[in-house]
Amino acid sequence: MSVTLAALKDHLRITDTNEDSALQIYLDSALDVIEVETGRKMAQVVGRLAYFDSLGDMELIGDNATVASVQYVDTDGNTQTLTSSIYALKSHKARPYITLDYDQSYPDTRAQDAAITVTYTSGYTSSTMPSSLKSAVLLTAGSFYEAREEFVIGTIVSAMPRTATKLCRPYRIYK
């Protein structure tokens, strides 16, 4: 996991386990909020995408992607594994993608749904997540913890701090 319950408890200076289940909910929610804000996966996941054909680059979802396999259904209907020497994993676009290496071509595929399937791992781990995104997750989860109800009575009303949004801005994928 990219940000752990222990890291959140350290951030909030909580030493007991009485509120661990609630803190885990706040942490999971904060990770979801930051994923939506940035368009990036905050935890490492195994993904599988299917394509009809290989007319161009095959975009993956998430950061820090590693490809496990690219399989295709050949014209005879048999599943084949594409050798990794004919494609490259690139990441200089907003998302990582698979593209052909120089002077290579994809084999012919059967005309069917999911003729090509890419299995890959992507997303952040605790060691690969940028510090500013970790801070955004911790600040957001901390805000959820401190403001457990939507309205607080008997105090001045103020909006949630926008610090977490500002920390996410450099990592946001704009479409």
C-alpha atoms as a PDB file:
ATOM      1  CA  MET A   1       0.000   0.000   0.000  1.00  0.00           C
ATOM      2  CA  SER A   2       1.258   3.474  -0.853  1.00  0.00           C
ATOM      3  CA  VAL A   3       0.275   5.067   2.486  1.00  0.00           C
ATOM      4  CA  THR A   4      -0.180   2.818   5.491  1.00  0.00           C
ATOM      5  CA  LEU A   5      -2.408   3.025   8.543  1.00  0.00           C
ATOM      6  CA  ALA A   6       0.769   3.290  10.658  1.00  0.00           C
ATOM      7  CA  ALA A   7       1.876   6.354   8.659  1.00  0.00           C
ATOM      8  CA  LEU A   8      -1.539   7.970   9.156  1.00  0.00           C
ATOM      9  CA  LYS A   9      -1.443   7.268  12.895  1.00  0.00           C
ATOM     10  CA  ASP A  10       2.056   8.807  13.104  1.00  0.00           C
ATOM     11  CA  HIS A  11       0.790  11.850  11.196  1.00  0.00           C
ATOM     12  CA  LEU A  12      -2.147  12.241  13.588  1.00  0.00           C
ATOM     13  CA  ARG A  13      -0.031  11.381  16.661  1.00  0.00           C
ATOM     14  CA  ILE A  14      -2.328   8.498  17.630  1.00  0.00           C
ATOM     15  CA  THR A  15      -0.715   5.656  19.590  1.00  0.00           C
ATOM     16  CA  ASP A  16      -3.632   3.408  20.538  1.00  0.00           C
ATOM     17  CA  THR A  17      -5.693   1.076  18.356  1.00  0.00           C
ATOM     18  CA  ASN A  18      -9.155   2.218  19.459  1.00  0.00           C
ATOM     19  CA  GLU A  19      -9.929   4.055  16.218  1.00  0.00           C
ATOM     20  CA  ASP A  20      -8.057   1.900  13.716  1.00  0.00           C
ATOM     21  CA  SER A  21     -11.158   0.775  11.820  1.00  0.00           C
ATOM     22  CA  ALA A  22     -12.394   4.364  11.379  1.00  0.00           C
ATOM     23  CA  LEU A  23      -8.884   5.550  10.459  1.00  0.00           C
ATOM     24  CA  GLN A  24      -8.630   2.851   7.795  1.00  0.00           C
ATOM     25  CA  ILE A  25     -11.917   4.045   6.284  1.00  0.00           C
ATOM     26  CA  TYR A  26     -10.621   7.647   6.258  1.00  0.00           C
ATOM     27  CA  LEU A  27      -7.339   6.501   4.689  1.00  0.00           C
ATOM     28  CA  ASP A  28      -9.113   4.485   1.977  1.00  0.00           C
ATOM     29  CA  SER A  29     -11.406   7.435   1.279  1.00  0.00           C
ATOM     30  CA  ALA A  30      -8.463   9.829   1.104  1.00  0.00           C
ATOM     31  CA  LEU A  31      -6.699   7.555  -1.392  1.00  0.00           C
ATOM     32  CA  ASP A  32      -9.884   7.536  -3.492  1.00  0.00           C
ATOM     33  CA  VAL A  33     -10.129  11.349  -3.356  1.00  0.00           C
ATOM     34  CA  ILE A  34      -6.508  11.783  -4.450  1.00  0.00           C
ATOM     35  CA  GLU A  35      -6.971   9.222  -7.250  1.00  0.00           C
ATOM     36  CA  VAL A  36      -9.930  11.222  -8.550  1.00  0.00           C
ATOM     37  CA  GLU A  37      -8.033  14.507  -8.165  1.00  0.00           C
ATOM     38  CA  THR A  38      -4.990  13.271 -10.096  1.00  0.00           C
ATOM     39  CA  GLY A  39      -6.374  10.556 -12.369  1.00  0.00           C
ATOM     40  CA  ARG A  40      -3.596   8.245 -11.129  1.00  0.00           C
ATOM     41  CA  LYS A  41      -3.675   4.989  -9.139  1.00  0.00           C
ATOM     42  CA  MET A  42      -2.434   5.512  -5.575  1.00  0.00           C
ATOM     43  CA  ALA A  43      -1.902   1.824  -4.826  1.00  0.00           C
ATOM     44  CA  GLN A  44      -0.261  -0.868  -6.888  1.00  0.00           C
ATOM     45  CA  VAL A  45      -2.726  -3.022  -8.834  1.00  0.00           C
ATOM     46  CA  VAL A  46      -2.627  -5.717 -11.459  1.00  0.00           C
ATOM     47  CA  GLY A  47      -4.486  -4.600 -14.549  1.00  0.00           C
ATOM     48  CA  ARG A  48      -5.725  -6.359 -17.619  1.00  0.00           C
ATOM     49  CA  LEU A  49      -6.836  -4.421 -20.666  1.00  0.00           C
ATOM     50  CA  ALA A  50      -8.325  -5.817 -23.834  1.00  0.00           C
ATOM     51  CA  TYR A  51      -8.084  -4.257 -27.276  1.00  0.00           C
ATOM     52  CA  PHE A  52      -9.917  -5.048 -30.485  1.00  0.00           C
ATOM     53  CA  ASP A  53      -6.813  -4.617 -32.602  1.00  0.00           C
ATOM     54  CA  SER A  54      -3.379  -3.012 -32.572  1.00  0.00           C
ATOM     55  CA  LEU A  55      -3.836  -0.010 -34.839  1.00  0.00           C
ATOM     56  CA  GLY A  56      -1.636   2.153 -32.635  1.00  0.00           C
ATOM     57  CA  ASP A  57      -0.254   2.663 -29.172  1.00  0.00           C
ATOM     58  CA  MET A  58      -1.997   0.771 -26.369  1.00  0.00           C
ATOM     59  CA  GLU A  59      -2.523   3.070 -23.394  1.00  0.00           C
ATOM     60  CA  LEU A  60      -2.340   1.585 -19.885  1.00  0.00           C
ATOM     61  CA  ILE A  61      -3.883   2.931 -16.698  1.00  0.00           C
ATOM     62  CA  GLY A  62      -1.626   3.930 -13.810  1.00  0.00           C
ATOM     63  CA  ASP A  63       1.982   4.942 -13.200  1.00  0.00           C
ATOM     64  CA  ASN A  64       5.131   2.876 -12.758  1.00  0.00           C
ATOM     65  CA  ALA A  65       3.785   0.228 -15.097  1.00  0.00           C
ATOM     66  CA  THR A  66       5.502  -3.064 -15.804  1.00  0.00           C
ATOM     67  CA  VAL A  67       4.117  -5.389 -18.454  1.00  0.00           C
ATOM     68  CA  ALA A  68       3.703  -9.050 -17.537  1.00  0.00           C
ATOM     69  CA  SER A  69       2.457 -10.170 -20.943  1.00  0.00           C
ATOM     70  CA  VAL A  70       0.846  -9.142 -24.196  1.00  0.00           C
ATOM     71  CA  GLN A  71      -1.294 -11.906 -25.637  1.00  0.00           C
ATOM     72  CA  TYR A  72      -3.235 -11.978 -28.863  1.00  0.00           C
ATOM     73  CA  VAL A  73      -5.598 -14.276 -30.694  1.00  0.00           C
ATOM     74  CA  ASP A  74      -4.076 -15.176 -34.050  1.00  0.00           C
ATOM     75  CA  THR A  75      -6.088 -15.557 -37.253  1.00  0.00           C
ATOM     76  CA  ASP A  76      -6.576 -19.290 -36.516  1.00  0.00           C
ATOM     77  CA  GLY A  77      -8.155 -18.516 -33.128  1.00  0.00           C
ATOM     78  CA  ASN A  78      -5.150 -19.590 -31.010  1.00  0.00           C
ATOM     79  CA  THR A  79      -3.894 -17.444 -28.118  1.00  0.00           C
ATOM     80  CA  GLN A  80      -0.256 -16.452 -28.552  1.00  0.00           C
ATOM     81  CA  THR A  81       2.115 -14.453 -26.353  1.00  0.00           C
ATOM     82  CA  LEU A  82       3.797 -11.549 -28.097  1.00  0.00           C
ATOM     83  CA  THR A  83       7.552 -11.494 -27.642  1.00  0.00           C
ATOM     84  CA  SER A  84       8.677  -8.448 -25.698  1.00  0.00           C
ATOM     85  CA  SER A  85      11.410  -7.712 -28.244  1.00  0.00           C
ATOM     86  CA  ILE A  86       8.964  -6.143 -30.693  1.00  0.00           C
ATOM     87  CA  TYR A  87       7.319  -3.628 -28.351  1.00  0.00           C
ATOM     88  CA  ALA A  88       8.403  -1.079 -25.781  1.00  0.00           C
ATOM     89  CA  LEU A  89       6.747   0.328 -22.699  1.00  0.00           C
ATOM     90  CA  LYS A  90       6.962   4.130 -22.783  1.00  0.00           C
ATOM     91  CA  SER A  91       5.802   6.670 -20.270  1.00  0.00           C
ATOM     92  CA  HIS A  92       6.437  10.135 -21.626  1.00  0.00           C
ATOM     93  CA  LYS A  93       2.739  10.697 -22.294  1.00  0.00           C
ATOM     94  CA  ALA A  94       0.261  11.385 -19.509  1.00  0.00           C
ATOM     95  CA  ARG A  95      -0.095   7.628 -19.081  1.00  0.00           C
ATOM     96  CA  PRO A  96       2.223   4.743 -19.896  1.00  0.00           C
ATOM     97  CA  TYR A  97       1.652   3.010 -23.201  1.00  0.00           C
ATOM     98  CA  ILE A  98       2.923   0.141 -25.310  1.00  0.00           C
ATOM     99  CA  THR A  99       4.287   0.988 -28.731  1.00  0.00           C
ATOM    100  CA  LEU A 100       6.118  -0.944 -31.395  1.00  0.00           C
ATOM    101  CA  ASP A 101       9.907  -0.848 -31.451  1.00  0.00           C
ATOM    102  CA  TYR A 102      11.549   0.530 -34.560  1.00  0.00           C
ATOM    103  CA  ASP A 103      10.876  -1.456 -37.734  1.00  0.00           C
ATOM    104  CA  GLN A 104       8.502  -3.923 -36.011  1.00  0.00           C
ATOM    105  CA  SER A 105       4.892  -4.814 -36.710  1.00  0.00           C
ATOM    106  CA  TYR A 106       2.171  -6.545 -34.798  1.00  0.00           C
ATOM    107  CA  PRO A 107       1.115  -9.991 -36.022  1.00  0.00           C
ATOM    108  CA  ASP A 108      -2.283 -10.336 -37.652  1.00  0.00           C
ATOM    109  CA  THR A 109      -5.069 -10.888 -35.149  1.00  0.00           C
ATOM    110  CA  ARG A 110      -8.471 -12.434 -35.420  1.00  0.00           C
ATOM    111  CA  ALA A 111     -11.320  -9.940 -35.926  1.00  0.00           C
ATOM    112  CA  GLN A 112     -12.980 -10.319 -32.510  1.00  0.00           C
ATOM    113  CA  ASP A 113     -13.475  -8.482 -29.253  1.00  0.00           C
ATOM    114  CA  ALA A 114     -10.449  -8.614 -26.946  1.00  0.00           C
ATOM    115  CA  ALA A 115      -8.138  -9.903 -29.652  1.00  0.00           C
ATOM    116  CA  ILE A 116      -5.222  -8.416 -27.699  1.00  0.00           C
ATOM    117  CA  THR A 117      -4.900  -8.576 -23.927  1.00  0.00           C
ATOM    118  CA  VAL A 118      -2.243  -6.744 -21.921  1.00  0.00           C
ATOM    119  CA  THR A 119      -1.588  -7.875 -18.340  1.00  0.00           C
ATOM    120  CA  TYR A 120       0.443  -5.406 -16.295  1.00  0.00           C
ATOM    121  CA  THR A 121       1.126  -3.977 -12.848  1.00  0.00           C
ATOM    122  CA  SER A 122       0.852  -0.259 -12.179  1.00  0.00           C
ATOM    123  CA  GLY A 123       0.391   2.279  -9.428  1.00  0.00           C
ATOM    124  CA  TYR A 124       2.425   3.547  -6.539  1.00  0.00           C
ATOM    125  CA  THR A 125       4.021   1.656  -3.680  1.00  0.00           C
ATOM    126  CA  SER A 126       5.191   3.325  -0.476  1.00  0.00           C
ATOM    127  CA  SER A 127       8.676   3.657  -1.981  1.00  0.00           C
ATOM    128  CA  THR A 128       7.603   5.017  -5.394  1.00  0.00           C
ATOM    129  CA  MET A 129       4.838   7.445  -4.392  1.00  0.00           C
ATOM    130  CA  PRO A 130       6.015  11.075  -4.557  1.00  0.00           C
ATOM    131  CA  SER A 131       6.222  12.773  -1.161  1.00  0.00           C
ATOM    132  CA  SER A 132       3.753  15.478  -2.145  1.00  0.00           C
ATOM    133  CA  LEU A 133       1.103  12.851  -2.958  1.00  0.00           C
ATOM    134  CA  LYS A 134       1.768  11.068   0.353  1.00  0.00           C
ATOM    135  CA  SER A 135       1.302  14.416   2.094  1.00  0.00           C
ATOM    136  CA  ALA A 136      -1.941  15.023   0.186  1.00  0.00           C
ATOM    137  CA  VAL A 137      -3.293  11.627   1.289  1.00  0.00           C
ATOM    138  CA  LEU A 138      -2.294  12.222   4.924  1.00  0.00           C
ATOM    139  CA  LEU A 139      -3.747  15.759   4.986  1.00  0.00           C
ATOM    140  CA  THR A 140      -7.002  14.584   3.420  1.00  0.00           C
ATOM    141  CA  ALA A 141      -7.358  11.607   5.787  1.00  0.00           C
ATOM    142  CA  GLY A 142      -6.487  13.897   8.704  1.00  0.00           C
ATOM    143  CA  SER A 143      -9.223  16.312   7.639  1.00  0.00           C
ATOM    144  CA  PHE A 144     -11.716  13.446   7.536  1.00  0.00           C
ATOM    145  CA  TYR A 145     -10.629  12.409  11.040  1.00  0.00           C
ATOM    146  CA  GLU A 146     -10.849  15.918  12.510  1.00  0.00           C
ATOM    147  CA  ALA A 147     -14.174  16.792  10.852  1.00  0.00           C
ATOM    148  CA  ARG A 148     -16.132  13.595  11.392  1.00  0.00           C
ATOM    149  CA  GLU A 149     -19.445  15.245  10.646  1.00  0.00           C
ATOM    150  CA  GLU A 150     -20.423  17.354   7.671  1.00  0.00           C
ATOM    151  CA  PHE A 151     -21.341  20.290   9.907  1.00  0.00           C
ATOM    152  CA  VAL A 152     -19.650  21.380  13.128  1.00  0.00           C
ATOM    153  CA  ILE A 153     -21.879  23.333  15.488  1.00  0.00           C
ATOM    154  CA  GLY A 154     -20.522  25.948  17.855  1.00  0.00           C
ATOM    155  CA  THR A 155     -17.500  27.021  15.843  1.00  0.00           C
ATOM    156  CA  ILE A 156     -16.657  29.192  12.884  1.00  0.00           C
ATOM    157  CA  VAL A 157     -17.521  27.556   9.576  1.00  0.00           C
ATOM    158  CA  SER A 158     -14.629  27.267   7.148  1.00  0.00           C
ATOM    159  CA  ALA A 159     -13.848  25.298   4.029  1.00  0.00           C
ATOM    160  CA  MET A 160     -11.471  22.368   4.041  1.00  0.00           C
ATOM    161  CA  PRO A 161      -7.903  23.459   3.315  1.00  0.00           C
ATOM    162  CA  ARG A 162      -6.924  23.323  -0.351  1.00  0.00           C
ATOM    163  CA  THR A 163      -3.373  22.222   0.457  1.00  0.00           C
ATOM    164  CA  ALA A 164      -4.014  18.651  -0.652  1.00  0.00           C
ATOM    165  CA  THR A 165      -5.371  19.862  -4.003  1.00  0.00           C
ATOM    166  CA  LYS A 166      -2.291  22.028  -4.501  1.00  0.00           C
ATOM    167  CA  LEU A 167      -0.014  19.080  -3.719  1.00  0.00           C
ATOM    168  CA  CYS A 168      -1.834  16.969  -6.329  1.00  0.00           C
ATOM    169  CA  ARG A 169      -1.811  19.562  -9.094  1.00  0.00           C
ATOM    170  CA  PRO A 170       1.589  18.643 -10.657  1.00  0.00           C
ATOM    171  CA  TYR A 171       0.504  15.002 -10.932  1.00  0.00           C
ATOM    172  CA  ARG A 172      -2.950  15.623 -12.389  1.00  0.00           C
ATOM    173  CA  ILE A 173      -3.696  14.116 -15.779  1.00  0.00           C
ATOM    174  CA  TYR A 174      -5.661  16.610 -17.853  1.00  0.00           C
ATOM    175  CA  LYS A 175      -7.875  15.157 -20.566  1.00  0.00           C
END
